[in-house]
Each structure stands twice: as C-alpha cells, then as structure tokens.
C-alpha cells in the first residue's frame, strides 16, 4: 500500500473512531434528559438548557476528530 493510501486509511480511521464516542455520548445525554423530563416535568426548561449544553460539548469532540482527519488527509500533519 502506498504512502497516500495509508494516509487516507488513517484519516478514515480518525474520523470513524472519533465519531463513536460522541455518538454514544449524545445518546446517553438525550436519554437521560428525556427520562428526567418524564419524571419531573417542572424542570424541563433547566434540563433542556443543560441537555443542549452537553450536546454542544460532546459534538465538539467529533469536530476535533474531523479536523485531525483533514489534517492527516491533506498532509499537514
């Protein structure tokens, strides 16, 4: 396999493996928030705020993986 082929495989692995953790984390965040809203509907506003804050922080991990993947693919790293 050539150097370019290995570089593209590394980029694909970086973005692929970088999407697993945030995907699971987003599922856990929304599952917990929906269960909490079902048990305590009065706290929906606060829970929704924290849910979206957690979503944004977890999604940032995927964006970092995407940036690293692009850096590998375009021979910057």
PDB file of N, CA and C in Angstrom:
ATOM      1  N   UNK A   1       0.849  -1.177   0.000  1.00  0.00           N
ATOM      2  CA  UNK A   1       0.000   0.000   0.000  1.00  0.00           C
ATOM      3  C   UNK A   1       0.896   1.242   0.000  1.00  0.00           C
ATOM      4  N   UNK A   2       0.542   2.198  -0.766  1.00  0.00           N
ATOM      5  CA  UNK A   2       1.378   3.392  -0.894  1.00  0.00           C
ATOM      6  C   UNK A   2       1.205   4.318   0.308  1.00  0.00           C
ATOM      7  N   UNK A   3       2.074   5.289   0.349  1.00  0.00           N
ATOM      8  CA  UNK A   3       2.010   6.276   1.431  1.00  0.00           C
ATOM      9  C   UNK A   3       0.676   7.024   1.399  1.00  0.00           C
ATOM     10  N   UNK A   4       0.196   7.345   0.204  1.00  0.00           N
ATOM     11  CA  UNK A   4      -1.083   8.064   0.076  1.00  0.00           C
ATOM     12  C   UNK A   4      -2.246   7.190   0.543  1.00  0.00           C
ATOM     13  N   UNK A   5      -2.195   5.916   0.226  1.00  0.00           N
ATOM     14  CA  UNK A   5      -3.256   5.005   0.661  1.00  0.00           C
ATOM     15  C   UNK A   5      -3.300   4.874   2.173  1.00  0.00           C
ATOM     16  N   UNK A   6      -2.123   4.736   2.786  1.00  0.00           N
ATOM     17  CA  UNK A   6      -2.072   4.648   4.246  1.00  0.00           C
ATOM     18  C   UNK A   6      -2.560   5.939   4.901  1.00  0.00           C
ATOM     19  N   UNK A   7      -2.246   7.058   4.284  1.00  0.00           N
ATOM     20  CA  UNK A   7      -2.680   8.350   4.818  1.00  0.00           C
ATOM     21  C   UNK A   7      -4.201   8.455   4.796  1.00  0.00           C
ATOM     22  N   UNK A   8      -4.822   7.987   3.708  1.00  0.00           N
ATOM     23  CA  UNK A   8      -6.284   8.049   3.615  1.00  0.00           C
ATOM     24  C   UNK A   8      -6.958   7.069   4.572  1.00  0.00           C
ATOM     25  N   UNK A   9      -6.342   5.907   4.772  1.00  0.00           N
ATOM     26  CA  UNK A   9      -6.877   4.952   5.752  1.00  0.00           C
ATOM     27  C   UNK A   9      -6.787   5.554   7.153  1.00  0.00           C
ATOM     28  N   UNK A  10      -5.675   6.198   7.466  1.00  0.00           N
ATOM     29  CA  UNK A  10      -5.522   6.837   8.779  1.00  0.00           C
ATOM     30  C   UNK A  10      -6.549   7.947   8.970  1.00  0.00           C
ATOM     31  N   UNK A  11      -6.804   8.726   7.926  1.00  0.00           N
ATOM     32  CA  UNK A  11      -7.806   9.795   8.021  1.00  0.00           C
ATOM     33  C   UNK A  11      -9.199   9.209   8.242  1.00  0.00           C
ATOM     34  N   UNK A  12      -9.498   8.122   7.532  1.00  0.00           N
ATOM     35  CA  UNK A  12     -10.815   7.487   7.705  1.00  0.00           C
ATOM     36  C   UNK A  12     -10.959   6.906   9.103  1.00  0.00           C
ATOM     37  N   UNK A  13      -9.911   6.296   9.620  1.00  0.00           N
ATOM     38  CA  UNK A  13      -9.968   5.762  10.983  1.00  0.00           C
ATOM     39  C   UNK A  13     -10.108   6.875  12.019  1.00  0.00           C
ATOM     40  N   UNK A  14      -9.432   7.976  11.791  1.00  0.00           N
ATOM     41  CA  UNK A  14      -9.509   9.091  12.746  1.00  0.00           C
ATOM     42  C   UNK A  14     -10.927   9.624  12.852  1.00  0.00           C
ATOM     43  N   UNK A  15     -11.589   9.827  11.721  1.00  0.00           N
ATOM     44  CA  UNK A  15     -12.943  10.377  11.778  1.00  0.00           C
ATOM     45  C   UNK A  15     -13.943   9.298  12.190  1.00  0.00           C
ATOM     46  N   UNK A  16     -13.708   8.061  11.781  1.00  0.00           N
ATOM     47  CA  UNK A  16     -14.630   6.984  12.139  1.00  0.00           C
ATOM     48  C   UNK A  16     -14.615   6.671  13.620  1.00  0.00           C
ATOM     49  N   UNK A  17     -13.419   6.499  14.167  1.00  0.00           N
ATOM     50  CA  UNK A  17     -13.316   6.217  15.597  1.00  0.00           C
ATOM     51  C   UNK A  17     -13.659   7.446  16.438  1.00  0.00           C
ATOM     52  N   UNK A  18     -13.426   8.618  15.872  1.00  0.00           N
ATOM     53  CA  UNK A  18     -13.771   9.851  16.585  1.00  0.00           C
ATOM     54  C   UNK A  18     -15.260  10.099  16.640  1.00  0.00           C
ATOM     55  N   UNK A  19     -16.037   9.388  15.842  1.00  0.00           N
ATOM     56  CA  UNK A  19     -17.493   9.563  15.847  1.00  0.00           C
ATOM     57  C   UNK A  19     -18.187   8.597  16.796  1.00  0.00           C
ATOM     58  N   UNK A  20     -17.502   7.539  17.205  1.00  0.00           N
ATOM     59  CA  UNK A  20     -18.137   6.529  18.061  1.00  0.00           C
ATOM     60  C   UNK A  20     -18.444   7.093  19.452  1.00  0.00           C
ATOM     61  N   UNK A  21     -17.449   7.691  20.085  1.00  0.00           N
ATOM     62  CA  UNK A  21     -17.635   8.221  21.442  1.00  0.00           C
ATOM     63  C   UNK A  21     -18.703   9.302  21.518  1.00  0.00           C
ATOM     64  N   UNK A  22     -18.623  10.332  20.667  1.00  0.00           N
ATOM     65  CA  UNK A  22     -19.668  11.351  20.700  1.00  0.00           C
ATOM     66  C   UNK A  22     -21.055  10.806  20.361  1.00  0.00           C
ATOM     67  N   UNK A  23     -21.123   9.817  19.475  1.00  0.00           N
ATOM     68  CA  UNK A  23     -22.424   9.230  19.150  1.00  0.00           C
ATOM     69  C   UNK A  23     -23.058   8.569  20.362  1.00  0.00           C
ATOM     70  N   UNK A  24     -22.277   7.819  21.091  1.00  0.00           N
ATOM     71  CA  UNK A  24     -22.772   7.181  22.317  1.00  0.00           C
ATOM     72  C   UNK A  24     -23.088   8.239  23.368  1.00  0.00           C
ATOM     73  N   UNK A  25     -22.223   9.234  23.488  1.00  0.00           N
ATOM     74  CA  UNK A  25     -22.441  10.284  24.483  1.00  0.00           C
ATOM     75  C   UNK A  25     -23.711  11.073  24.236  1.00  0.00           C
ATOM     76  N   UNK A  26     -23.995  11.381  22.977  1.00  0.00           N
ATOM     77  CA  UNK A  26     -25.219  12.115  22.647  1.00  0.00           C
ATOM     78  C   UNK A  26     -26.441  11.272  22.978  1.00  0.00           C
ATOM     79  N   UNK A  27     -26.366   9.982  22.701  1.00  0.00           N
ATOM     80  CA  UNK A  27     -27.474   9.093  23.051  1.00  0.00           C
ATOM     81  C   UNK A  27     -27.724   9.052  24.543  1.00  0.00           C
ATOM     82  N   UNK A  28     -26.666   9.000  25.326  1.00  0.00           N
ATOM     83  CA  UNK A  28     -26.803   8.970  26.785  1.00  0.00           C
ATOM     84  C   UNK A  28     -27.372  10.292  27.296  1.00  0.00           C
ATOM     85  N   UNK A  29     -26.910  11.399  26.737  1.00  0.00           N
ATOM     86  CA  UNK A  29     -27.392  12.714  27.174  1.00  0.00           C
ATOM     87  C   UNK A  29     -28.881  12.862  26.923  1.00  0.00           C
ATOM     88  N   UNK A  30     -29.320  12.553  25.705  1.00  0.00           N
ATOM     89  CA  UNK A  30     -30.728  12.728  25.376  1.00  0.00           C
ATOM     90  C   UNK A  30     -31.604  11.714  26.106  1.00  0.00           C
ATOM     91  N   UNK A  31     -31.112  10.498  26.286  1.00  0.00           N
ATOM     92  CA  UNK A  31     -31.877   9.500  27.021  1.00  0.00           C
ATOM     93  C   UNK A  31     -32.088   9.934  28.469  1.00  0.00           C
ATOM     94  N   UNK A  32     -31.011  10.387  29.105  1.00  0.00           N
ATOM     95  CA  UNK A  32     -31.130  10.835  30.489  1.00  0.00           C
ATOM     96  C   UNK A  32     -32.014  12.058  30.632  1.00  0.00           C
ATOM     97  N   UNK A  33     -31.906  12.977  29.696  1.00  0.00           N
ATOM     98  CA  UNK A  33     -32.727  14.187  29.763  1.00  0.00           C
ATOM     99  C   UNK A  33     -34.203  13.863  29.574  1.00  0.00           C
ATOM    100  N   UNK A  34     -34.508  12.993  28.622  1.00  0.00           N
ATOM    101  CA  UNK A  34     -35.915  12.641  28.392  1.00  0.00           C
ATOM    102  C   UNK A  34     -36.503  11.876  29.580  1.00  0.00           C
ATOM    103  N   UNK A  35     -35.721  10.998  30.194  1.00  0.00           N
ATOM    104  CA  UNK A  35     -36.210  10.295  31.380  1.00  0.00           C
ATOM    105  C   UNK A  35     -36.444  11.271  32.529  1.00  0.00           C
ATOM    106  N   UNK A  36     -35.534  12.217  32.705  1.00  0.00           N
ATOM    107  CA  UNK A  36     -35.688  13.198  33.780  1.00  0.00           C
ATOM    108  C   UNK A  36     -36.890  14.101  33.539  1.00  0.00           C
ATOM    109  N   UNK A  37     -37.118  14.491  32.272  1.00  0.00           N
ATOM    110  CA  UNK A  37     -38.282  15.325  31.957  1.00  0.00           C
ATOM    111  C   UNK A  37     -39.577  14.557  32.172  1.00  0.00           C
ATOM    112  N   UNK A  38     -39.548  13.271  31.909  1.00  0.00           N
ATOM    113  CA  UNK A  38     -40.741  12.462  32.140  1.00  0.00           C
ATOM    114  C   UNK A  38     -41.062  12.318  33.614  1.00  0.00           C
ATOM    115  N   UNK A  39     -40.047  12.276  34.444  1.00  0.00           N
ATOM    116  CA  UNK A  39     -40.259  12.117  35.884  1.00  0.00           C
ATOM    117  C   UNK A  39     -40.532  13.441  36.588  1.00  0.00           C
ATOM    118  N   UNK A  40     -39.990  14.538  36.040  1.00  0.00           N
ATOM    119  CA  UNK A  40     -40.160  15.838  36.678  1.00  0.00           C
ATOM    120  C   UNK A  40     -40.405  16.894  35.600  1.00  0.00           C
ATOM    121  N   UNK A  41     -41.637  17.012  35.117  1.00  0.00           N
ATOM    122  CA  UNK A  41     -41.921  17.943  34.015  1.00  0.00           C
ATOM    123  C   UNK A  41     -41.685  19.414  34.365  1.00  0.00           C
ATOM    124  N   UNK A  42     -41.695  19.753  35.639  1.00  0.00           N
ATOM    125  CA  UNK A  42     -41.492  21.156  36.027  1.00  0.00           C
ATOM    126  C   UNK A  42     -40.068  21.622  35.742  1.00  0.00           C
ATOM    127  N   UNK A  43     -39.130  20.696  35.693  1.00  0.00           N
ATOM    128  CA  UNK A  43     -37.724  21.057  35.489  1.00  0.00           C
ATOM    129  C   UNK A  43     -37.324  20.997  34.024  1.00  0.00           C
ATOM    130  N   UNK A  44     -38.290  20.991  33.121  1.00  0.00           N
ATOM    131  CA  UNK A  44     -37.990  20.814  31.702  1.00  0.00           C
ATOM    132  C   UNK A  44     -37.089  21.916  31.141  1.00  0.00           C
ATOM    133  N   UNK A  45     -37.332  23.150  31.516  1.00  0.00           N
ATOM    134  CA  UNK A  45     -36.535  24.262  30.994  1.00  0.00           C
ATOM    135  C   UNK A  45     -35.069  24.154  31.370  1.00  0.00           C
ATOM    136  N   UNK A  46     -34.805  23.861  32.632  1.00  0.00           N
ATOM    137  CA  UNK A  46     -33.422  23.717  33.100  1.00  0.00           C
ATOM    138  C   UNK A  46     -32.763  22.506  32.463  1.00  0.00           C
ATOM    139  N   UNK A  47     -33.500  21.403  32.400  1.00  0.00           N
ATOM    140  CA  UNK A  47     -32.947  20.194  31.802  1.00  0.00           C
ATOM    141  C   UNK A  47     -32.637  20.395  30.326  1.00  0.00           C
ATOM    142  N   UNK A  48     -33.499  21.098  29.629  1.00  0.00           N
ATOM    143  CA  UNK A  48     -33.271  21.326  28.206  1.00  0.00           C
ATOM    144  C   UNK A  48     -32.014  22.169  27.993  1.00  0.00           C
ATOM    145  N   UNK A  49     -31.825  23.170  28.840  1.00  0.00           N
ATOM    146  CA  UNK A  49     -30.629  24.011  28.736  1.00  0.00           C
ATOM    147  C   UNK A  49     -29.365  23.176  28.917  1.00  0.00           C
ATOM    148  N   UNK A  50     -29.337  22.365  29.965  1.00  0.00           N
ATOM    149  CA  UNK A  50     -28.160  21.531  30.221  1.00  0.00           C
ATOM    150  C   UNK A  50     -27.992  20.448  29.158  1.00  0.00           C
ATOM    151  N   UNK A  51     -29.110  19.960  28.611  1.00  0.00           N
ATOM    152  CA  UNK A  51     -29.046  18.942  27.571  1.00  0.00           C
ATOM    153  C   UNK A  51     -28.348  19.499  26.329  1.00  0.00           C
ATOM    154  N   UNK A  52     -28.744  20.693  25.898  1.00  0.00           N
ATOM    155  CA  UNK A  52     -28.130  21.270  24.705  1.00  0.00           C
ATOM    156  C   UNK A  52     -26.692  21.710  24.961  1.00  0.00           C
ATOM    157  N   UNK A  53     -26.390  22.127  26.179  1.00  0.00           N
ATOM    158  CA  UNK A  53     -25.006  22.459  26.515  1.00  0.00           C
ATOM    159  C   UNK A  53     -24.133  21.204  26.450  1.00  0.00           C
ATOM    160  N   UNK A  54     -24.626  20.116  27.007  1.00  0.00           N
ATOM    161  CA  UNK A  54     -23.898  18.852  26.933  1.00  0.00           C
ATOM    162  C   UNK A  54     -23.750  18.362  25.508  1.00  0.00           C
ATOM    163  N   UNK A  55     -24.805  18.527  24.699  1.00  0.00           N
ATOM    164  CA  UNK A  55     -24.747  18.135  23.295  1.00  0.00           C
ATOM    165  C   UNK A  55     -23.659  18.907  22.560  1.00  0.00           C
ATOM    166  N   UNK A  56     -23.583  20.198  22.804  1.00  0.00           N
ATOM    167  CA  UNK A  56     -22.583  21.026  22.117  1.00  0.00           C
ATOM    168  C   UNK A  56     -21.165  20.628  22.521  1.00  0.00           C
ATOM    169  N   UNK A  57     -20.955  20.335  23.799  1.00  0.00           N
ATOM    170  CA  UNK A  57     -19.621  19.953  24.248  1.00  0.00           C
ATOM    171  C   UNK A  57     -19.216  18.591  23.698  1.00  0.00           C
ATOM    172  N   UNK A  58     -20.154  17.655  23.645  1.00  0.00           N
ATOM    173  CA  UNK A  58     -19.843  16.335  23.099  1.00  0.00           C
ATOM    174  C   UNK A  58     -19.603  16.415  21.594  1.00  0.00           C
ATOM    175  N   UNK A  59     -20.385  17.219  20.914  1.00  0.00           N
ATOM    176  CA  UNK A  59     -20.226  17.356  19.464  1.00  0.00           C
ATOM    177  C   UNK A  59     -18.887  18.004  19.123  1.00  0.00           C
ATOM    178  N   UNK A  60     -18.345  18.803  20.028  1.00  0.00           N
ATOM    179  CA  UNK A  60     -17.038  19.409  19.800  1.00  0.00           C
ATOM    180  C   UNK A  60     -15.958  18.332  19.675  1.00  0.00           C
ATOM    181  N   UNK A  61     -16.117  17.215  20.375  1.00  0.00           N
ATOM    182  CA  UNK A  61     -15.142  16.130  20.258  1.00  0.00           C
ATOM    183  C   UNK A  61     -15.109  15.575  18.839  1.00  0.00           C
ATOM    184  N   UNK A  62     -16.286  15.433  18.228  1.00  0.00           N
ATOM    185  CA  UNK A  62     -16.314  14.947  16.851  1.00  0.00           C
ATOM    186  C   UNK A  62     -15.688  15.968  15.898  1.00  0.00           C
ATOM    187  N   UNK A  63     -15.916  17.230  16.139  1.00  0.00           N
ATOM    188  CA  UNK A  63     -15.333  18.254  15.277  1.00  0.00           C
ATOM    189  C   UNK A  63     -13.806  18.222  15.370  1.00  0.00           C
ATOM    190  N   UNK A  64     -13.274  17.972  16.569  1.00  0.00           N
ATOM    191  CA  UNK A  64     -11.821  17.836  16.712  1.00  0.00           C
ATOM    192  C   UNK A  64     -11.319  16.642  15.918  1.00  0.00           C
ATOM    193  N   UNK A  65     -12.034  15.515  15.968  1.00  0.00           N
ATOM    194  CA  UNK A  65     -11.636  14.329  15.206  1.00  0.00           C
ATOM    195  C   UNK A  65     -11.686  14.614  13.710  1.00  0.00           C
ATOM    196  N   UNK A  66     -12.691  15.357  13.276  1.00  0.00           N
ATOM    197  CA  UNK A  66     -12.799  15.708  11.861  1.00  0.00           C
ATOM    198  C   UNK A  66     -11.635  16.589  11.426  1.00  0.00           C
ATOM    199  N   UNK A  67     -11.259  17.536  12.248  1.00  0.00           N
ATOM    200  CA  UNK A  67     -10.135  18.420  11.921  1.00  0.00           C
ATOM    201  C   UNK A  67      -8.837  17.616  11.838  1.00  0.00           C
ATOM    202  N   UNK A  68      -8.617  16.713  12.784  1.00  0.00           N
ATOM    203  CA  UNK A  68      -7.412  15.879  12.754  1.00  0.00           C
ATOM    204  C   UNK A  68      -7.409  15.016  11.500  1.00  0.00           C
ATOM    205  N   UNK A  69      -8.563  14.477  11.143  1.00  0.00           N
ATOM    206  CA  UNK A  69      -8.664  13.668   9.926  1.00  0.00           C
ATOM    207  C   UNK A  69      -8.318  14.482   8.679  1.00  0.00           C
ATOM    208  N   UNK A  70      -8.808  15.695   8.600  1.00  0.00           N
ATOM    209  CA  UNK A  70      -8.492  16.551   7.453  1.00  0.00           C
ATOM    210  C   UNK A  70      -7.007  16.924   7.433  1.00  0.00           C
ATOM    211  N   UNK A  71      -6.433  17.145   8.606  1.00  0.00           N
ATOM    212  CA  UNK A  71      -5.005  17.454   8.669  1.00  0.00           C
ATOM    213  C   UNK A  71      -4.173  16.273   8.164  1.00  0.00           C
ATOM    214  N   UNK A  72      -4.604  15.060   8.516  1.00  0.00           N
ATOM    215  CA  UNK A  72      -3.886  13.868   8.035  1.00  0.00           C
ATOM    216  C   UNK A  72      -4.069  13.708   6.533  1.00  0.00           C
ATOM    217  N   UNK A  73      -5.299  13.860   6.063  1.00  0.00           N
ATOM    218  CA  UNK A  73      -5.598  13.631   4.654  1.00  0.00           C
ATOM    219  C   UNK A  73      -4.885  14.613   3.736  1.00  0.00           C
ATOM    220  N   UNK A  74      -4.711  15.844   4.166  1.00  0.00           N
ATOM    221  CA  UNK A  74      -4.089  16.857   3.303  1.00  0.00           C
ATOM    222  C   UNK A  74      -2.617  17.088   3.626  1.00  0.00           C
ATOM    223  N   UNK A  75      -2.001  16.120   4.286  1.00  0.00           N
ATOM    224  CA  UNK A  75      -0.554  16.110   4.554  1.00  0.00           C
ATOM    225  C   UNK A  75      -0.076  17.315   5.351  1.00  0.00           C
ATOM    226  N   UNK A  76      -0.889  17.791   6.260  1.00  0.00           N
ATOM    227  CA  UNK A  76      -0.456  18.892   7.105  1.00  0.00           C
ATOM    228  C   UNK A  76       0.233  18.353   8.349  1.00  0.00           C
ATOM    229  N   UNK A  77      -0.210  17.184   8.792  1.00  0.00           N
ATOM    230  CA  UNK A  77       0.406  16.524   9.964  1.00  0.00           C
ATOM    231  C   UNK A  77       1.170  15.327   9.489  1.00  0.00           C
TER     232      UNK A  77
END
